Amino acid sequence: MKIKPEDLETLADKLDSGQAGMREAVAGALRRLSKGEEMFSDQMYVDAARDEHECEGSMEFDDEPKVSRSDDGGAYVQCWVWVPESDLL
């Protein structure tokens, strides 16, 4: 799904002051779009991956993991998955 800059402007206008984090995210996306850059930065994908999937000792991320964007509206973020020897038996 493609999001147009005017869609983000409409969303930003509707946000109230209690959603400052969302307002900053939308403003950042608008700035990137206005410069011809990607709407979402690699770091945003890395942060989301860590927040949603990181589990110390089971699934971990390097300090600067590789991000591979997809045309399907997302990205793969490289991580490490722990595999104990017992899983091999």
PDB file of N, CA and C in Angstrom:
ATOM      1  N   MET A   1       0.835  -1.176   0.000  1.00  0.00           N
ATOM      2  CA  MET A   1       0.000   0.000   0.000  1.00  0.00           C
ATOM      3  C   MET A   1       0.881   1.241   0.000  1.00  0.00           C
ATOM      4  N   LYS A   2       0.650   2.121  -0.927  1.00  0.00           N
ATOM      5  CA  LYS A   2       1.408   3.364  -1.028  1.00  0.00           C
ATOM      6  C   LYS A   2       0.689   4.454  -0.236  1.00  0.00           C
ATOM      7  N   ILE A   3       1.452   5.205   0.530  1.00  0.00           N
ATOM      8  CA  ILE A   3       0.905   6.330   1.283  1.00  0.00           C
ATOM      9  C   ILE A   3       1.415   7.606   0.650  1.00  0.00           C
ATOM     10  N   LYS A   4       0.508   8.488   0.301  1.00  0.00           N
ATOM     11  CA  LYS A   4       0.875   9.752  -0.325  1.00  0.00           C
ATOM     12  C   LYS A   4       1.143  10.797   0.756  1.00  0.00           C
ATOM     13  N   PRO A   5       1.986  11.777   0.457  1.00  0.00           N
ATOM     14  CA  PRO A   5       2.273  12.822   1.439  1.00  0.00           C
ATOM     15  C   PRO A   5       1.020  13.511   1.966  1.00  0.00           C
ATOM     16  N   GLU A   6       0.031  13.735   1.112  1.00  0.00           N
ATOM     17  CA  GLU A   6      -1.190  14.406   1.580  1.00  0.00           C
ATOM     18  C   GLU A   6      -1.964  13.550   2.580  1.00  0.00           C
ATOM     19  N   ASP A   7      -1.843  12.210   2.477  1.00  0.00           N
ATOM     20  CA  ASP A   7      -2.477  11.342   3.468  1.00  0.00           C
ATOM     21  C   ASP A   7      -1.839  11.544   4.835  1.00  0.00           C
ATOM     22  N   LEU A   8      -0.511  11.678   4.848  1.00  0.00           N
ATOM     23  CA  LEU A   8       0.189  11.894   6.113  1.00  0.00           C
ATOM     24  C   LEU A   8      -0.138  13.268   6.693  1.00  0.00           C
ATOM     25  N   GLU A   9      -0.285  14.263   5.835  1.00  0.00           N
ATOM     26  CA  GLU A   9      -0.643  15.598   6.312  1.00  0.00           C
ATOM     27  C   GLU A   9      -2.020  15.570   6.975  1.00  0.00           C
ATOM     28  N   THR A  10      -2.960  14.861   6.376  1.00  0.00           N
ATOM     29  CA  THR A  10      -4.296  14.730   6.950  1.00  0.00           C
ATOM     30  C   THR A  10      -4.220  14.035   8.309  1.00  0.00           C
ATOM     31  N   LEU A  11      -3.433  12.967   8.381  1.00  0.00           N
ATOM     32  CA  LEU A  11      -3.274  12.247   9.641  1.00  0.00           C
ATOM     33  C   LEU A  11      -2.652  13.148  10.705  1.00  0.00           C
ATOM     34  N   ALA A  12      -1.601  13.872  10.330  1.00  0.00           N
ATOM     35  CA  ALA A  12      -0.931  14.766  11.281  1.00  0.00           C
ATOM     36  C   ALA A  12      -1.895  15.824  11.797  1.00  0.00           C
ATOM     37  N   ASP A  13      -2.764  16.344  10.938  1.00  0.00           N
ATOM     38  CA  ASP A  13      -3.735  17.358  11.349  1.00  0.00           C
ATOM     39  C   ASP A  13      -4.733  16.819  12.364  1.00  0.00           C
ATOM     40  N   LYS A  14      -5.016  15.518  12.294  1.00  0.00           N
ATOM     41  CA  LYS A  14      -6.020  14.913  13.171  1.00  0.00           C
ATOM     42  C   LYS A  14      -5.460  14.482  14.530  1.00  0.00           C
ATOM     43  N   LEU A  15      -4.142  14.411  14.637  1.00  0.00           N
ATOM     44  CA  LEU A  15      -3.540  13.967  15.897  1.00  0.00           C
ATOM     45  C   LEU A  15      -3.671  15.044  16.964  1.00  0.00           C
ATOM     46  N   ASP A  16      -3.999  14.624  18.166  1.00  0.00           N
ATOM     47  CA  ASP A  16      -4.069  15.610  19.239  1.00  0.00           C
ATOM     48  C   ASP A  16      -2.745  15.688  19.981  1.00  0.00           C
ATOM     49  N   SER A  17      -2.611  16.633  20.872  1.00  0.00           N
ATOM     50  CA  SER A  17      -1.331  16.863  21.553  1.00  0.00           C
ATOM     51  C   SER A  17      -0.918  15.684  22.440  1.00  0.00           C
ATOM     52  N   GLY A  18      -1.829  14.799  22.792  1.00  0.00           N
ATOM     53  CA  GLY A  18      -1.514  13.635  23.616  1.00  0.00           C
ATOM     54  C   GLY A  18      -0.774  12.555  22.846  1.00  0.00           C
ATOM     55  N   GLN A  19      -0.605  12.745  21.550  1.00  0.00           N
ATOM     56  CA  GLN A  19       0.070  11.748  20.734  1.00  0.00           C
ATOM     57  C   GLN A  19       1.327  12.333  20.108  1.00  0.00           C
ATOM     58  N   ALA A  20       2.157  12.952  20.919  1.00  0.00           N
ATOM     59  CA  ALA A  20       3.353  13.639  20.429  1.00  0.00           C
ATOM     60  C   ALA A  20       4.290  12.694  19.694  1.00  0.00           C
ATOM     61  N   GLY A  21       4.458  11.462  20.167  1.00  0.00           N
ATOM     62  CA  GLY A  21       5.337  10.504  19.501  1.00  0.00           C
ATOM     63  C   GLY A  21       4.871  10.196  18.091  1.00  0.00           C
ATOM     64  N   MET A  22       3.567  10.048  17.923  1.00  0.00           N
ATOM     65  CA  MET A  22       3.009   9.786  16.605  1.00  0.00           C
ATOM     66  C   MET A  22       3.186  11.000  15.700  1.00  0.00           C
ATOM     67  N   ARG A  23       2.974  12.170  16.260  1.00  0.00           N
ATOM     68  CA  ARG A  23       3.133  13.405  15.472  1.00  0.00           C
ATOM     69  C   ARG A  23       4.572  13.511  14.962  1.00  0.00           C
ATOM     70  N   GLU A  24       5.551  13.204  15.822  1.00  0.00           N
ATOM     71  CA  GLU A  24       6.958  13.264  15.412  1.00  0.00           C
ATOM     72  C   GLU A  24       7.260  12.246  14.319  1.00  0.00           C
ATOM     73  N   ALA A  25       6.688  11.046  14.430  1.00  0.00           N
ATOM     74  CA  ALA A  25       6.912  10.011  13.423  1.00  0.00           C
ATOM     75  C   ALA A  25       6.338  10.430  12.072  1.00  0.00           C
ATOM     76  N   VAL A  26       5.144  10.997  12.094  1.00  0.00           N
ATOM     77  CA  VAL A  26       4.518  11.454  10.855  1.00  0.00           C
ATOM     78  C   VAL A  26       5.313  12.617  10.265  1.00  0.00           C
ATOM     79  N   ALA A  27       5.742  13.543  11.116  1.00  0.00           N
ATOM     80  CA  ALA A  27       6.519  14.690  10.638  1.00  0.00           C
ATOM     81  C   ALA A  27       7.835  14.215  10.018  1.00  0.00           C
ATOM     82  N   GLY A  28       8.472  13.239  10.632  1.00  0.00           N
ATOM     83  CA  GLY A  28       9.714  12.695  10.083  1.00  0.00           C
ATOM     84  C   GLY A  28       9.489  12.028   8.733  1.00  0.00           C
ATOM     85  N   ALA A  29       8.392  11.294   8.622  1.00  0.00           N
ATOM     86  CA  ALA A  29       8.068  10.646   7.346  1.00  0.00           C
ATOM     87  C   ALA A  29       7.823  11.690   6.268  1.00  0.00           C
ATOM     88  N   LEU A  30       7.124  12.759   6.610  1.00  0.00           N
ATOM     89  CA  LEU A  30       6.878  13.834   5.647  1.00  0.00           C
ATOM     90  C   LEU A  30       8.182  14.486   5.199  1.00  0.00           C
ATOM     91  N   ARG A  31       9.102  14.710   6.136  1.00  0.00           N
ATOM     92  CA  ARG A  31      10.390  15.303   5.778  1.00  0.00           C
ATOM     93  C   ARG A  31      11.151  14.406   4.801  1.00  0.00           C
ATOM     94  N   ARG A  32      11.162  13.094   5.100  1.00  0.00           N
ATOM     95  CA  ARG A  32      11.874  12.162   4.234  1.00  0.00           C
ATOM     96  C   ARG A  32      11.236  12.124   2.841  1.00  0.00           C
ATOM     97  N   LEU A  33       9.905  12.106   2.783  1.00  0.00           N
ATOM     98  CA  LEU A  33       9.226  12.085   1.485  1.00  0.00           C
ATOM     99  C   LEU A  33       9.524  13.352   0.689  1.00  0.00           C
ATOM    100  N   SER A  34       9.559  14.487   1.372  1.00  0.00           N
ATOM    101  CA  SER A  34       9.795  15.748   0.676  1.00  0.00           C
ATOM    102  C   SER A  34      11.204  15.814   0.089  1.00  0.00           C
ATOM    103  N   LYS A  35      12.134  15.019   0.640  1.00  0.00           N
ATOM    104  CA  LYS A  35      13.507  14.972   0.135  1.00  0.00           C
ATOM    105  C   LYS A  35      13.686  13.842  -0.880  1.00  0.00           C
ATOM    106  N   GLY A  36      12.602  13.144  -1.190  1.00  0.00           N
ATOM    107  CA  GLY A  36      12.683  12.032  -2.127  1.00  0.00           C
ATOM    108  C   GLY A  36      13.236  10.765  -1.504  1.00  0.00           C
ATOM    109  N   GLU A  37      13.273  10.707  -0.175  1.00  0.00           N
ATOM    110  CA  GLU A  37      13.800   9.535   0.527  1.00  0.00           C
ATOM    111  C   GLU A  37      12.668   8.560   0.834  1.00  0.00           C
ATOM    112  N   GLU A  38      13.020   7.399   1.342  1.00  0.00           N
ATOM    113  CA  GLU A  38      12.034   6.420   1.773  1.00  0.00           C
ATOM    114  C   GLU A  38      11.249   6.981   2.955  1.00  0.00           C
ATOM    115  N   MET A  39       9.974   6.615   3.041  1.00  0.00           N
ATOM    116  CA  MET A  39       9.143   7.116   4.127  1.00  0.00           C
ATOM    117  C   MET A  39       9.619   6.566   5.481  1.00  0.00           C
ATOM    118  N   PHE A  40      10.023   5.293   5.501  1.00  0.00           N
ATOM    119  CA  PHE A  40      10.470   4.671   6.747  1.00  0.00           C
ATOM    120  C   PHE A  40      11.966   4.390   6.647  1.00  0.00           C
ATOM    121  N   SER A  41      12.698   4.790   7.662  1.00  0.00           N
ATOM    122  CA  SER A  41      14.147   4.571   7.666  1.00  0.00           C
ATOM    123  C   SER A  41      14.465   3.127   8.054  1.00  0.00           C
ATOM    124  N   ASP A  42      15.678   2.674   7.698  1.00  0.00           N
ATOM    125  CA  ASP A  42      16.114   1.344   8.122  1.00  0.00           C
ATOM    126  C   ASP A  42      16.063   1.218   9.637  1.00  0.00           C
ATOM    127  N   GLN A  43      16.433   2.297  10.336  1.00  0.00           N
ATOM    128  CA  GLN A  43      16.446   2.246  11.799  1.00  0.00           C
ATOM    129  C   GLN A  43      15.044   2.029  12.358  1.00  0.00           C
ATOM    130  N   MET A  44      14.028   2.550  11.689  1.00  0.00           N
ATOM    131  CA  MET A  44      12.651   2.337  12.148  1.00  0.00           C
ATOM    132  C   MET A  44      12.288   0.849  12.057  1.00  0.00           C
ATOM    133  N   TYR A  45      12.727   0.186  10.984  1.00  0.00           N
ATOM    134  CA  TYR A  45      12.486  -1.256  10.864  1.00  0.00           C
ATOM    135  C   TYR A  45      13.255  -2.028  11.933  1.00  0.00           C
ATOM    136  N   VAL A  46      14.497  -1.626  12.190  1.00  0.00           N
ATOM    137  CA  VAL A  46      15.313  -2.291  13.212  1.00  0.00           C
ATOM    138  C   VAL A  46      14.661  -2.127  14.587  1.00  0.00           C
ATOM    139  N   ASP A  47      14.234  -0.913  14.914  1.00  0.00           N
ATOM    140  CA  ASP A  47      13.599  -0.661  16.208  1.00  0.00           C
ATOM    141  C   ASP A  47      12.326  -1.485  16.378  1.00  0.00           C
ATOM    142  N   ALA A  48      11.513  -1.562  15.314  1.00  0.00           N
ATOM    143  CA  ALA A  48      10.274  -2.347  15.378  1.00  0.00           C
ATOM    144  C   ALA A  48      10.578  -3.831  15.556  1.00  0.00           C
ATOM    145  N   ALA A  49      11.593  -4.320  14.842  1.00  0.00           N
ATOM    146  CA  ALA A  49      11.978  -5.727  14.963  1.00  0.00           C
ATOM    147  C   ALA A  49      12.433  -6.040  16.389  1.00  0.00           C
ATOM    148  N   ARG A  50      13.239  -5.155  16.951  1.00  0.00           N
ATOM    149  CA  ARG A  50      13.696  -5.367  18.330  1.00  0.00           C
ATOM    150  C   ARG A  50      12.524  -5.344  19.307  1.00  0.00           C
ATOM    151  N   ASP A  51      11.647  -4.361  19.164  1.00  0.00           N
ATOM    152  CA  ASP A  51      10.508  -4.229  20.078  1.00  0.00           C
ATOM    153  C   ASP A  51       9.574  -5.426  20.008  1.00  0.00           C
ATOM    154  N   GLU A  52       9.353  -5.933  18.812  1.00  0.00           N
ATOM    155  CA  GLU A  52       8.359  -6.991  18.612  1.00  0.00           C
ATOM    156  C   GLU A  52       8.914  -8.409  18.742  1.00  0.00           C
ATOM    157  N   HIS A  53      10.211  -8.606  18.453  1.00  0.00           N
ATOM    158  CA  HIS A  53      10.710  -9.975  18.304  1.00  0.00           C
ATOM    159  C   HIS A  53      11.928 -10.338  19.135  1.00  0.00           C
ATOM    160  N   GLU A  54      12.694  -9.355  19.628  1.00  0.00           N
ATOM    161  CA  GLU A  54      13.932  -9.690  20.334  1.00  0.00           C
ATOM    162  C   GLU A  54      13.627 -10.389  21.647  1.00  0.00           C
ATOM    163  N   CYS A  55      14.356 -11.458  21.879  1.00  0.00           N
ATOM    164  CA  CYS A  55      14.242 -12.216  23.120  1.00  0.00           C
ATOM    165  C   CYS A  55      15.654 -12.651  23.484  1.00  0.00           C
ATOM    166  N   GLU A  56      16.225 -12.020  24.504  1.00  0.00           N
ATOM    167  CA  GLU A  56      17.614 -12.268  24.858  1.00  0.00           C
ATOM    168  C   GLU A  56      17.872 -13.759  25.056  1.00  0.00           C
ATOM    169  N   GLY A  57      18.918 -14.224  24.392  1.00  0.00           N
ATOM    170  CA  GLY A  57      19.292 -15.629  24.495  1.00  0.00           C
ATOM    171  C   GLY A  57      18.581 -16.517  23.495  1.00  0.00           C
ATOM    172  N   SER A  58      17.582 -15.965  22.788  1.00  0.00           N
ATOM    173  CA  SER A  58      16.841 -16.754  21.819  1.00  0.00           C
ATOM    174  C   SER A  58      16.897 -16.122  20.426  1.00  0.00           C
ATOM    175  N   MET A  59      16.548 -14.842  20.340  1.00  0.00           N
ATOM    176  CA  MET A  59      16.627 -14.097  19.078  1.00  0.00           C
ATOM    177  C   MET A  59      17.193 -12.726  19.390  1.00  0.00           C
ATOM    178  N   GLU A  60      18.363 -12.422  18.806  1.00  0.00           N
ATOM    179  CA  GLU A  60      19.039 -11.159  19.101  1.00  0.00           C
ATOM    180  C   GLU A  60      19.485 -10.481  17.811  1.00  0.00           C
ATOM    181  N   PHE A  61      19.716  -9.161  17.897  1.00  0.00           N
ATOM    182  CA  PHE A  61      20.109  -8.354  16.757  1.00  0.00           C
ATOM    183  C   PHE A  61      21.480  -7.726  17.012  1.00  0.00           C
ATOM    184  N   ASP A  62      22.286  -7.622  15.960  1.00  0.00           N
ATOM    185  CA  ASP A  62      23.546  -6.890  16.049  1.00  0.00           C
ATOM    186  C   ASP A  62      23.243  -5.402  16.229  1.00  0.00           C
ATOM    187  N   ASP A  63      24.283  -4.624  16.522  1.00  0.00           N
ATOM    188  CA  ASP A  63      24.095  -3.179  16.682  1.00  0.00           C
ATOM    189  C   ASP A  63      23.578  -2.525  15.407  1.00  0.00           C
ATOM    190  N   GLU A  64      24.063  -2.974  14.259  1.00  0.00           N
ATOM    191  CA  GLU A  64      23.622  -2.430  12.971  1.00  0.00           C
ATOM    192  C   GLU A  64      23.258  -3.576  12.029  1.00  0.00           C
ATOM    193  N   PRO A  65      22.092  -4.193  12.239  1.00  0.00           N
ATOM    194  CA  PRO A  65      21.726  -5.334  11.404  1.00  0.00           C
ATOM    195  C   PRO A  65      21.395  -4.922   9.971  1.00  0.00           C
ATOM    196  N   LYS A  66      21.572  -5.858   9.064  1.00  0.00           N
ATOM    197  CA  LYS A  66      21.233  -5.626   7.657  1.00  0.00           C
ATOM    198  C   LYS A  66      19.715  -5.555   7.521  1.00  0.00           C
ATOM    199  N   VAL A  67      19.238  -4.593   6.713  1.00  0.00           N
ATOM    200  CA  VAL A  67      17.812  -4.435   6.450  1.00  0.00           C
ATOM    201  C   VAL A  67      17.609  -4.614   4.952  1.00  0.00           C
ATOM    202  N   SER A  68      16.711  -5.517   4.603  1.00  0.00           N
ATOM    203  CA  SER A  68      16.396  -5.772   3.198  1.00  0.00           C
ATOM    204  C   SER A  68      14.922  -5.442   2.971  1.00  0.00           C
ATOM    205  N   ARG A  69      14.674  -4.375   2.228  1.00  0.00           N
ATOM    206  CA  ARG A  69      13.303  -3.919   1.988  1.00  0.00           C
ATOM    207  C   ARG A  69      12.615  -4.774   0.931  1.00  0.00           C
ATOM    208  N   SER A  70      11.301  -4.898   1.093  1.00  0.00           N
ATOM    209  CA  SER A  70      10.481  -5.662   0.158  1.00  0.00           C
ATOM    210  C   SER A  70       9.490  -4.733  -0.525  1.00  0.00           C
ATOM    211  N   ASP A  71       9.059  -5.096  -1.709  1.00  0.00           N
ATOM    212  CA  ASP A  71       8.028  -4.328  -2.399  1.00  0.00           C
ATOM    213  C   ASP A  71       6.645  -4.583  -1.797  1.00  0.00           C
ATOM    214  N   ASP A  72       6.556  -5.500  -0.847  1.00  0.00           N
ATOM    215  CA  ASP A  72       5.282  -5.863  -0.228  1.00  0.00           C
ATOM    216  C   ASP A  72       4.938  -5.022   0.993  1.00  0.00           C
ATOM    217  N   GLY A  73       5.644  -3.918   1.194  1.00  0.00           N
ATOM    218  CA  GLY A  73       5.322  -3.035   2.307  1.00  0.00           C
ATOM    219  C   GLY A  73       5.948  -3.433   3.630  1.00  0.00           C
ATOM    220  N   GLY A  74       7.187  -3.846   3.617  1.00  0.00           N
ATOM    221  CA  GLY A  74       7.884  -4.229   4.836  1.00  0.00           C
ATOM    222  C   GLY A  74       9.359  -4.451   4.549  1.00  0.00           C
ATOM    223  N   ALA A  75      10.038  -5.073   5.500  1.00  0.00           N
ATOM    224  CA  ALA A  75      11.462  -5.332   5.335  1.00  0.00           C
ATOM    225  C   ALA A  75      11.869  -6.526   6.190  1.00  0.00           C
ATOM    226  N   TYR A  76      12.918  -7.196   5.761  1.00  0.00           N
ATOM    227  CA  TYR A  76      13.546  -8.234   6.567  1.00  0.00           C
ATOM    228  C   TYR A  76      14.669  -7.568   7.352  1.00  0.00           C
ATOM    229  N   VAL A  77      14.777  -7.910   8.633  1.00  0.00           N
ATOM    230  CA  VAL A  77      15.842  -7.386   9.491  1.00  0.00           C
ATOM    231  C   VAL A  77      16.650  -8.588   9.985  1.00  0.00           C
ATOM    232  N   GLN A  78      17.946  -8.561   9.712  1.00  0.00           N
ATOM    233  CA  GLN A  78      18.817  -9.684  10.059  1.00  0.00           C
ATOM    234  C   GLN A  78      18.946  -9.821  11.565  1.00  0.00           C
ATOM    235  N   CYS A  79      18.875 -11.062  12.029  1.00  0.00           N
ATOM    236  CA  CYS A  79      19.023 -11.324  13.463  1.00  0.00           C
ATOM    237  C   CYS A  79      19.754 -12.651  13.664  1.00  0.00           C
ATOM    238  N   TRP A  80      20.032 -12.933  14.907  1.00  0.00           N
ATOM    239  CA  TRP A  80      20.656 -14.192  15.290  1.00  0.00           C
ATOM    240  C   TRP A  80      19.634 -15.002  16.075  1.00  0.00           C
ATOM    241  N   VAL A  81      19.512 -16.271  15.721  1.00  0.00           N
ATOM    242  CA  VAL A  81      18.616 -17.182  16.439  1.00  0.00           C
ATOM    243  C   VAL A  81      19.476 -18.260  17.080  1.00  0.00           C
ATOM    244  N   TRP A  82      19.309 -18.431  18.388  1.00  0.00           N
ATOM    245  CA  TRP A  82      20.067 -19.437  19.118  1.00  0.00           C
ATOM    246  C   TRP A  82      19.480 -20.813  18.838  1.00  0.00           C
ATOM    247  N   VAL A  83      20.359 -21.765  18.468  1.00  0.00           N
ATOM    248  CA  VAL A  83      19.950 -23.143  18.219  1.00  0.00           C
ATOM    249  C   VAL A  83      20.769 -24.051  19.141  1.00  0.00           C
ATOM    250  N   PRO A  84      20.167 -24.589  20.180  1.00  0.00           N
ATOM    251  CA  PRO A  84      20.911 -25.467  21.075  1.00  0.00           C
ATOM    252  C   PRO A  84      21.186 -26.818  20.414  1.00  0.00           C
ATOM    253  N   GLU A  85      22.246 -27.459  20.844  1.00  0.00           N
ATOM    254  CA  GLU A  85      22.602 -28.770  20.286  1.00  0.00           C
ATOM    255  C   GLU A  85      21.462 -29.768  20.436  1.00  0.00           C
ATOM    256  N   SER A  86      20.665 -29.631  21.479  1.00  0.00           N
ATOM    257  CA  SER A  86      19.552 -30.567  21.693  1.00  0.00           C
ATOM    258  C   SER A  86      18.552 -30.525  20.539  1.00  0.00           C
ATOM    259  N   ASP A  87      18.469 -29.408  19.828  1.00  0.00           N
ATOM    260  CA  ASP A  87      17.576 -29.322  18.668  1.00  0.00           C
ATOM    261  C   ASP A  87      18.097 -30.123  17.482  1.00  0.00           C
ATOM    262  N   LEU A  88      19.370 -30.488  17.526  1.00  0.00           N
ATOM    263  CA  LEU A  88      19.970 -31.220  16.416  1.00  0.00           C
ATOM    264  C   LEU A  88      19.765 -32.726  16.552  1.00  0.00           C
ATOM    265  N   LEU A  89      19.348 -33.155  17.706  1.00  0.00           N
ATOM    266  CA  LEU A  89      19.198 -34.603  17.949  1.00  0.00           C
ATOM    267  C   LEU A  89      17.809 -35.076  17.632  1.00  0.00           C
TER     268      LEU A  89
END
